[in-house]
Amino acid sequence: MEKVSFVKNGELRLPPGFRFHPTDEELVLQYLKRKVFSCPLPASIIPEVDVCKSDPWDLPGDLEQERYFFSTKEAKYPNGNRSNRATNSGYWKATGLDKQIVTSKGNQVVGMKKTLVFYRGKPPHGSRTDWIMHEYRLNILNASQSHVPMENWVLCRIFLKKRSGAKNGEESNKVRNSKVVFYDFLAQNKTDSSSSAASGITHEHESDEHDHEESSSSNTFPYTIRTKP
């Protein structure tokens, strides 16, 4: 029976309700390692794409989702190990230290993960973008097969880092939910001290519509002071 392919024109197309969220260990052992040694894959779900031939926004797939690609590393110099990661509009630049991918059982190092950020323009004066790439490579030294693969395959996960809007949202919520304190200065002239204490200071936590109802039903004209929470 022929294996069903979920990749069409380089784009991942899963049936409704299915999601592809592999762990780092699964990416290295179940997909990258099998690809490197030409073994059958669990599913035809990751396309082969040269990620540096196109800018990240031009690669196939949904830009709002994580995209996975098998790619081969191109040497930047004939006699060097550095990879050529230049694209049409910019370049991928490594950031931080490579992370070891270890098995959940046995703690065996099976691969490495490199994090790269995409920059527009030419190095070293490119402008940083929110495009991130995780590049997985196999640890050949710990591979069970004795032969060395002919092609230098890597597995790339590319996604657009979402800028956090929590700070702005929190600030707007603080303004929206700020405490409203009503000071009734005329209440001091009332002879009934109990009613004066009851209507002197009021803390409102309801909506703006409720605030309007409360203020309009008052017999006095209070001063409104908004205080920071």
C-alpha atoms as a PDB file:
ATOM      1  CA  MET A   1       0.000   0.000   0.000  1.00  0.00           C
ATOM      2  CA  GLU A   2       1.401   3.365  -1.039  1.00  0.00           C
ATOM      3  CA  LYS A   3       2.078   5.780   1.809  1.00  0.00           C
ATOM      4  CA  VAL A   4      -0.110   8.862   1.789  1.00  0.00           C
ATOM      5  CA  SER A   5       1.756  12.137   1.313  1.00  0.00           C
ATOM      6  CA  PHE A   6       0.560  15.163   3.273  1.00  0.00           C
ATOM      7  CA  VAL A   7       2.778  17.578   1.338  1.00  0.00           C
ATOM      8  CA  LYS A   8       1.470  19.301  -1.788  1.00  0.00           C
ATOM      9  CA  ASN A   9       3.574  21.864  -3.664  1.00  0.00           C
ATOM     10  CA  GLY A  10       5.897  22.056  -0.675  1.00  0.00           C
ATOM     11  CA  GLU A  11       3.050  22.925   1.705  1.00  0.00           C
ATOM     12  CA  LEU A  12       1.891  20.786   4.607  1.00  0.00           C
ATOM     13  CA  ARG A  13      -1.770  19.776   4.300  1.00  0.00           C
ATOM     14  CA  LEU A  14      -3.032  17.661   7.183  1.00  0.00           C
ATOM     15  CA  PRO A  15      -6.596  16.404   7.538  1.00  0.00           C
ATOM     16  CA  PRO A  16      -8.915  18.568   9.664  1.00  0.00           C
ATOM     17  CA  GLY A  17      -8.243  18.107  13.360  1.00  0.00           C
ATOM     18  CA  PHE A  18      -4.650  16.929  12.932  1.00  0.00           C
ATOM     19  CA  ARG A  19      -1.681  18.947  14.171  1.00  0.00           C
ATOM     20  CA  PHE A  20       2.055  18.393  13.724  1.00  0.00           C
ATOM     21  CA  HIS A  21       3.809  19.254  16.994  1.00  0.00           C
ATOM     22  CA  PRO A  22       6.860  16.974  17.310  1.00  0.00           C
ATOM     23  CA  THR A  23       9.395  17.220  20.115  1.00  0.00           C
ATOM     24  CA  ASP A  24      13.057  17.952  19.436  1.00  0.00           C
ATOM     25  CA  GLU A  25      13.887  14.313  20.083  1.00  0.00           C
ATOM     26  CA  GLU A  26      11.217  13.127  17.636  1.00  0.00           C
ATOM     27  CA  LEU A  27      12.421  15.534  14.969  1.00  0.00           C
ATOM     28  CA  VAL A  28      15.986  14.263  15.240  1.00  0.00           C
ATOM     29  CA  LEU A  29      15.398  10.526  15.678  1.00  0.00           C
ATOM     30  CA  GLN A  30      12.167   9.878  13.810  1.00  0.00           C
ATOM     31  CA  TYR A  31      12.625  12.265  10.906  1.00  0.00           C
ATOM     32  CA  LEU A  32      16.129  13.685  10.483  1.00  0.00           C
ATOM     33  CA  LYS A  33      18.017  10.498  11.266  1.00  0.00           C
ATOM     34  CA  ARG A  34      15.816   8.463   8.923  1.00  0.00           C
ATOM     35  CA  LYS A  35      16.256  11.090   6.211  1.00  0.00           C
ATOM     36  CA  VAL A  36      20.028  11.155   6.592  1.00  0.00           C
ATOM     37  CA  PHE A  37      20.332   7.385   6.271  1.00  0.00           C
ATOM     38  CA  SER A  38      17.623   7.035   3.593  1.00  0.00           C
ATOM     39  CA  CYS A  39      15.266   5.074   5.843  1.00  0.00           C
ATOM     40  CA  PRO A  40      11.445   5.171   5.530  1.00  0.00           C
ATOM     41  CA  LEU A  41       9.908   8.155   7.301  1.00  0.00           C
ATOM     42  CA  PRO A  42       6.930   7.874   9.673  1.00  0.00           C
ATOM     43  CA  ALA A  43       4.952  10.037   7.228  1.00  0.00           C
ATOM     44  CA  SER A  44       5.657  12.130   4.141  1.00  0.00           C
ATOM     45  CA  ILE A  45       5.028  15.318   6.025  1.00  0.00           C
ATOM     46  CA  ILE A  46       8.217  17.423   5.720  1.00  0.00           C
ATOM     47  CA  PRO A  47       9.140  18.734   2.253  1.00  0.00           C
ATOM     48  CA  GLU A  48      12.627  19.165   0.843  1.00  0.00           C
ATOM     49  CA  VAL A  49      13.322  22.870   0.387  1.00  0.00           C
ATOM     50  CA  ASP A  50      16.528  24.861   0.115  1.00  0.00           C
ATOM     51  CA  VAL A  51      15.656  27.403   2.796  1.00  0.00           C
ATOM     52  CA  CYS A  52      18.387  29.835   1.724  1.00  0.00           C
ATOM     53  CA  LYS A  53      17.170  30.079  -1.868  1.00  0.00           C
ATOM     54  CA  SER A  54      14.159  32.092  -0.702  1.00  0.00           C
ATOM     55  CA  ASP A  55      13.351  34.646   1.959  1.00  0.00           C
ATOM     56  CA  PRO A  56      11.415  33.203   4.940  1.00  0.00           C
ATOM     57  CA  TRP A  57       8.132  34.848   3.897  1.00  0.00           C
ATOM     58  CA  ASP A  58       8.427  33.307   0.416  1.00  0.00           C
ATOM     59  CA  LEU A  59       8.858  29.728   1.631  1.00  0.00           C
ATOM     60  CA  PRO A  60       5.847  27.423   1.120  1.00  0.00           C
ATOM     61  CA  GLY A  61       3.301  26.957   3.872  1.00  0.00           C
ATOM     62  CA  ASP A  62       1.200  29.036   6.214  1.00  0.00           C
ATOM     63  CA  LEU A  63       3.182  32.034   7.473  1.00  0.00           C
ATOM     64  CA  GLU A  64       1.190  32.058  10.714  1.00  0.00           C
ATOM     65  CA  GLN A  65       2.224  28.497  11.568  1.00  0.00           C
ATOM     66  CA  GLU A  66       5.519  26.722  12.226  1.00  0.00           C
ATOM     67  CA  ARG A  67       6.961  25.282   9.013  1.00  0.00           C
ATOM     68  CA  TYR A  68       9.325  22.334   8.759  1.00  0.00           C
ATOM     69  CA  PHE A  69      11.764  21.636   5.919  1.00  0.00           C
ATOM     70  CA  PHE A  70      14.525  19.216   5.053  1.00  0.00           C
ATOM     71  CA  SER A  71      17.423  21.175   3.605  1.00  0.00           C
ATOM     72  CA  THR A  72      21.067  20.612   2.715  1.00  0.00           C
ATOM     73  CA  LYS A  73      23.836  22.817   4.009  1.00  0.00           C
ATOM     74  CA  GLU A  74      25.843  24.727   1.430  1.00  0.00           C
ATOM     75  CA  ALA A  75      29.441  25.552   2.330  1.00  0.00           C
ATOM     76  CA  LYS A  76      30.235  29.253   2.342  1.00  0.00           C
ATOM     77  CA  TYR A  77      33.829  28.615   1.331  1.00  0.00           C
ATOM     78  CA  PRO A  78      35.227  25.630  -0.645  1.00  0.00           C
ATOM     79  CA  ASN A  79      37.578  24.529   2.125  1.00  0.00           C
ATOM     80  CA  GLY A  80      35.573  25.589   5.158  1.00  0.00           C
ATOM     81  CA  ASN A  81      32.782  24.321   7.368  1.00  0.00           C
ATOM     82  CA  ARG A  82      30.814  27.560   7.561  1.00  0.00           C
ATOM     83  CA  SER A  83      27.420  27.467   5.882  1.00  0.00           C
ATOM     84  CA  ASN A  84      26.172  29.937   3.331  1.00  0.00           C
ATOM     85  CA  ARG A  85      22.933  31.329   4.759  1.00  0.00           C
ATOM     86  CA  ALA A  86      22.454  34.363   2.501  1.00  0.00           C
ATOM     87  CA  THR A  87      19.057  34.825   0.809  1.00  0.00           C
ATOM     88  CA  ASN A  88      17.672  37.280  -1.742  1.00  0.00           C
ATOM     89  CA  SER A  89      16.885  40.017   0.782  1.00  0.00           C
ATOM     90  CA  GLY A  90      19.101  39.197   3.754  1.00  0.00           C
ATOM     91  CA  TYR A  91      20.776  36.444   5.714  1.00  0.00           C
ATOM     92  CA  TRP A  92      20.325  34.078   8.649  1.00  0.00           C
ATOM     93  CA  LYS A  93      22.586  34.780  11.608  1.00  0.00           C
ATOM     94  CA  ALA A  94      23.240  32.321  14.428  1.00  0.00           C
ATOM     95  CA  THR A  95      22.502  33.506  17.950  1.00  0.00           C
ATOM     96  CA  GLY A  96      23.378  31.964  21.287  1.00  0.00           C
ATOM     97  CA  LEU A  97      24.944  28.559  21.853  1.00  0.00           C
ATOM     98  CA  ASP A  98      23.912  25.337  20.158  1.00  0.00           C
ATOM     99  CA  LYS A  99      21.667  23.148  22.288  1.00  0.00           C
ATOM    100  CA  GLN A 100      22.219  19.421  22.683  1.00  0.00           C
ATOM    101  CA  ILE A 101      19.278  17.162  21.868  1.00  0.00           C
ATOM    102  CA  VAL A 102      19.326  14.217  24.246  1.00  0.00           C
ATOM    103  CA  THR A 103      17.104  11.159  24.452  1.00  0.00           C
ATOM    104  CA  SER A 104      14.468  11.040  27.168  1.00  0.00           C
ATOM    105  CA  LYS A 105      15.832   7.648  28.209  1.00  0.00           C
ATOM    106  CA  GLY A 106      19.561   7.254  28.587  1.00  0.00           C
ATOM    107  CA  ASN A 107      20.432  10.919  28.045  1.00  0.00           C
ATOM    108  CA  GLN A 108      22.308  10.126  24.853  1.00  0.00           C
ATOM    109  CA  VAL A 109      23.212  13.108  22.684  1.00  0.00           C
ATOM    110  CA  VAL A 110      21.584  12.440  19.308  1.00  0.00           C
ATOM    111  CA  GLY A 111      21.659  15.883  17.728  1.00  0.00           C
ATOM    112  CA  MET A 112      22.204  19.613  18.031  1.00  0.00           C
ATOM    113  CA  LYS A 113      19.861  22.576  17.635  1.00  0.00           C
ATOM    114  CA  LYS A 114      21.083  25.933  16.374  1.00  0.00           C
ATOM    115  CA  THR A 115      18.941  29.069  16.657  1.00  0.00           C
ATOM    116  CA  LEU A 116      19.175  31.660  13.880  1.00  0.00           C
ATOM    117  CA  VAL A 117      17.571  35.059  13.332  1.00  0.00           C
ATOM    118  CA  PHE A 118      16.857  36.544   9.910  1.00  0.00           C
ATOM    119  CA  TYR A 119      18.330  39.951   9.063  1.00  0.00           C
ATOM    120  CA  ARG A 120      17.392  42.157   6.132  1.00  0.00           C
ATOM    121  CA  GLY A 121      20.226  43.694   4.132  1.00  0.00           C
ATOM    122  CA  LYS A 122      23.901  42.855   3.967  1.00  0.00           C
ATOM    123  CA  PRO A 123      26.108  41.854   6.904  1.00  0.00           C
ATOM    124  CA  PRO A 124      27.183  43.284   9.207  1.00  0.00           C
ATOM    125  CA  HIS A 125      24.673  46.148   8.912  1.00  0.00           C
ATOM    126  CA  GLY A 126      21.477  44.167   8.444  1.00  0.00           C
ATOM    127  CA  SER A 127      18.294  44.952  10.347  1.00  0.00           C
ATOM    128  CA  ARG A 128      16.944  42.256  12.655  1.00  0.00           C
ATOM    129  CA  THR A 129      13.507  40.774  11.958  1.00  0.00           C
ATOM    130  CA  ASP A 130      11.135  38.535  13.923  1.00  0.00           C
ATOM    131  CA  TRP A 131      11.819  35.479  11.746  1.00  0.00           C
ATOM    132  CA  ILE A 132      13.397  32.619  13.716  1.00  0.00           C
ATOM    133  CA  MET A 133      14.848  29.331  12.499  1.00  0.00           C
ATOM    134  CA  HIS A 134      15.776  26.255  14.526  1.00  0.00           C
ATOM    135  CA  GLU A 135      18.265  24.164  12.577  1.00  0.00           C
ATOM    136  CA  TYR A 136      18.585  20.537  13.703  1.00  0.00           C
ATOM    137  CA  ARG A 137      21.564  18.439  12.738  1.00  0.00           C
ATOM    138  CA  LEU A 138      22.297  14.817  13.529  1.00  0.00           C
ATOM    139  CA  ASN A 139      25.113  13.749  15.809  1.00  0.00           C
ATOM    140  CA  ILE A 140      26.809  11.361  13.398  1.00  0.00           C
ATOM    141  CA  LEU A 141      29.284  10.116  16.017  1.00  0.00           C
ATOM    142  CA  ASN A 142      26.464   8.519  17.995  1.00  0.00           C
ATOM    143  CA  ALA A 143      24.599   7.173  14.977  1.00  0.00           C
ATOM    144  CA  SER A 144      24.101   3.439  14.982  1.00  0.00           C
ATOM    145  CA  GLN A 145      24.980   3.094  11.295  1.00  0.00           C
ATOM    146  CA  SER A 146      28.656   2.846  10.493  1.00  0.00           C
ATOM    147  CA  HIS A 147      28.494   4.433   7.036  1.00  0.00           C
ATOM    148  CA  VAL A 148      28.637   8.190   6.562  1.00  0.00           C
ATOM    149  CA  PRO A 149      25.732   9.775   4.649  1.00  0.00           C
ATOM    150  CA  MET A 150      26.443  11.316   1.276  1.00  0.00           C
ATOM    151  CA  GLU A 151      24.271  14.412   1.757  1.00  0.00           C
ATOM    152  CA  ASN A 152      24.522  16.774   4.701  1.00  0.00           C
ATOM    153  CA  TRP A 153      20.840  17.002   5.599  1.00  0.00           C
ATOM    154  CA  VAL A 154      19.481  19.313   8.281  1.00  0.00           C
ATOM    155  CA  LEU A 155      15.920  19.828   9.492  1.00  0.00           C
ATOM    156  CA  CYS A 156      14.708  23.424   9.772  1.00  0.00           C
ATOM    157  CA  ARG A 157      11.798  24.779  11.764  1.00  0.00           C
ATOM    158  CA  ILE A 158      10.916  28.333  10.724  1.00  0.00           C
ATOM    159  CA  PHE A 159       8.388  30.576  12.418  1.00  0.00           C
ATOM    160  CA  LEU A 160       7.547  34.224  12.928  1.00  0.00           C
ATOM    161  CA  LYS A 161       8.107  35.345  16.491  1.00  0.00           C
ATOM    162  CA  LYS A 162       5.004  37.098  17.767  1.00  0.00           C
ATOM    163  CA  ARG A 163       5.675  40.356  19.516  1.00  0.00           C
ATOM    164  CA  SER A 164       4.226  40.457  22.992  1.00  0.00           C
ATOM    165  CA  GLY A 165       1.370  42.928  23.324  1.00  0.00           C
ATOM    166  CA  ALA A 166       0.794  42.071  26.966  1.00  0.00           C
ATOM    167  CA  LYS A 167       2.508  45.196  28.233  1.00  0.00           C
ATOM    168  CA  ASN A 168       0.329  47.534  26.214  1.00  0.00           C
ATOM    169  CA  GLY A 169      -2.719  45.501  27.113  1.00  0.00           C
ATOM    170  CA  GLU A 170      -1.899  45.647  30.782  1.00  0.00           C
ATOM    171  CA  GLU A 171      -1.488  49.410  30.635  1.00  0.00           C
ATOM    172  CA  SER A 172      -4.865  49.831  28.935  1.00  0.00           C
ATOM    173  CA  ASN A 173      -6.493  47.523  31.470  1.00  0.00           C
ATOM    174  CA  LYS A 174      -5.026  49.561  34.298  1.00  0.00           C
ATOM    175  CA  VAL A 175      -6.577  52.715  32.895  1.00  0.00           C
ATOM    176  CA  ARG A 176      -9.874  50.945  32.203  1.00  0.00           C
ATOM    177  CA  ASN A 177     -10.035  49.360  35.664  1.00  0.00           C
ATOM    178  CA  SER A 178      -8.713  52.336  37.601  1.00  0.00           C
ATOM    179  CA  LYS A 179     -10.443  53.077  40.872  1.00  0.00           C
ATOM    180  CA  VAL A 180     -12.890  55.975  40.927  1.00  0.00           C
ATOM    181  CA  VAL A 181     -13.182  57.763  44.245  1.00  0.00           C
ATOM    182  CA  PHE A 182     -16.041  60.204  44.909  1.00  0.00           C
ATOM    183  CA  TYR A 183     -15.474  62.865  47.543  1.00  0.00           C
ATOM    184  CA  ASP A 184     -18.709  64.468  48.761  1.00  0.00           C
ATOM    185  CA  PHE A 185     -17.536  67.711  50.355  1.00  0.00           C
ATOM    186  CA  LEU A 186     -21.125  68.891  50.989  1.00  0.00           C
ATOM    187  CA  ALA A 187     -21.740  65.868  53.178  1.00  0.00           C
ATOM    188  CA  GLN A 188     -19.843  67.588  56.017  1.00  0.00           C
ATOM    189  CA  ASN A 189     -22.701  70.049  56.435  1.00  0.00           C
ATOM    190  CA  LYS A 190     -25.304  67.332  56.968  1.00  0.00           C
ATOM    191  CA  THR A 191     -26.470  66.737  60.551  1.00  0.00           C
ATOM    192  CA  ASP A 192     -26.895  62.986  60.073  1.00  0.00           C
ATOM    193  CA  SER A 193     -23.386  61.684  60.624  1.00  0.00           C
ATOM    194  CA  SER A 194     -24.304  58.148  59.606  1.00  0.00           C
ATOM    195  CA  SER A 195     -25.597  59.230  56.202  1.00  0.00           C
ATOM    196  CA  SER A 196     -22.553  61.450  55.825  1.00  0.00           C
ATOM    197  CA  ALA A 197     -20.206  58.532  56.415  1.00  0.00           C
ATOM    198  CA  ALA A 198     -22.139  56.352  54.044  1.00  0.00           C
ATOM    199  CA  SER A 199     -22.075  58.826  51.167  1.00  0.00           C
ATOM    200  CA  GLY A 200     -18.718  60.449  51.798  1.00  0.00           C
ATOM    201  CA  ILE A 201     -16.378  58.109  49.911  1.00  0.00           C
ATOM    202  CA  THR A 202     -17.403  55.514  47.408  1.00  0.00           C
ATOM    203  CA  HIS A 203     -15.141  53.059  45.535  1.00  0.00           C
ATOM    204  CA  GLU A 204     -16.459  52.009  42.188  1.00  0.00           C
ATOM    205  CA  HIS A 205     -15.292  48.848  40.366  1.00  0.00           C
ATOM    206  CA  GLU A 206     -18.119  48.425  37.897  1.00  0.00           C
ATOM    207  CA  SER A 207     -18.366  49.348  34.221  1.00  0.00           C
ATOM    208  CA  ASP A 208     -18.506  52.876  32.839  1.00  0.00           C
ATOM    209  CA  GLU A 209     -22.255  52.534  32.323  1.00  0.00           C
ATOM    210  CA  HIS A 210     -22.753  51.680  36.006  1.00  0.00           C
ATOM    211  CA  ASP A 211     -20.523  54.617  36.978  1.00  0.00           C
ATOM    212  CA  HIS A 212     -22.759  56.902  34.976  1.00  0.00           C
ATOM    213  CA  GLU A 213     -25.887  55.590  36.689  1.00  0.00           C
ATOM    214  CA  GLU A 214     -24.344  55.975  40.133  1.00  0.00           C
ATOM    215  CA  SER A 215     -23.235  59.555  39.548  1.00  0.00           C
ATOM    216  CA  SER A 216     -26.492  60.676  37.946  1.00  0.00           C
ATOM    217  CA  SER A 217     -28.607  59.320  40.838  1.00  0.00           C
ATOM    218  CA  SER A 218     -26.622  61.178  43.486  1.00  0.00           C
ATOM    219  CA  ASN A 219     -28.208  64.164  45.191  1.00  0.00           C
ATOM    220  CA  THR A 220     -24.909  66.048  45.278  1.00  0.00           C
ATOM    221  CA  PHE A 221     -22.271  67.000  42.727  1.00  0.00           C
ATOM    222  CA  PRO A 222     -19.138  65.048  43.682  1.00  0.00           C
ATOM    223  CA  TYR A 223     -15.659  65.688  42.509  1.00  0.00           C
ATOM    224  CA  THR A 224     -14.248  62.751  40.542  1.00  0.00           C
ATOM    225  CA  ILE A 225     -10.632  61.818  41.087  1.00  0.00           C
ATOM    226  CA  ARG A 226      -9.052  58.850  39.276  1.00  0.00           C
ATOM    227  CA  THR A 227      -6.212  57.236  41.115  1.00  0.00           C
ATOM    228  CA  LYS A 228      -3.662  54.790  39.859  1.00  0.00           C
ATOM    229  CA  PRO A 229      -4.207  51.197  41.000  1.00  0.00           C
END
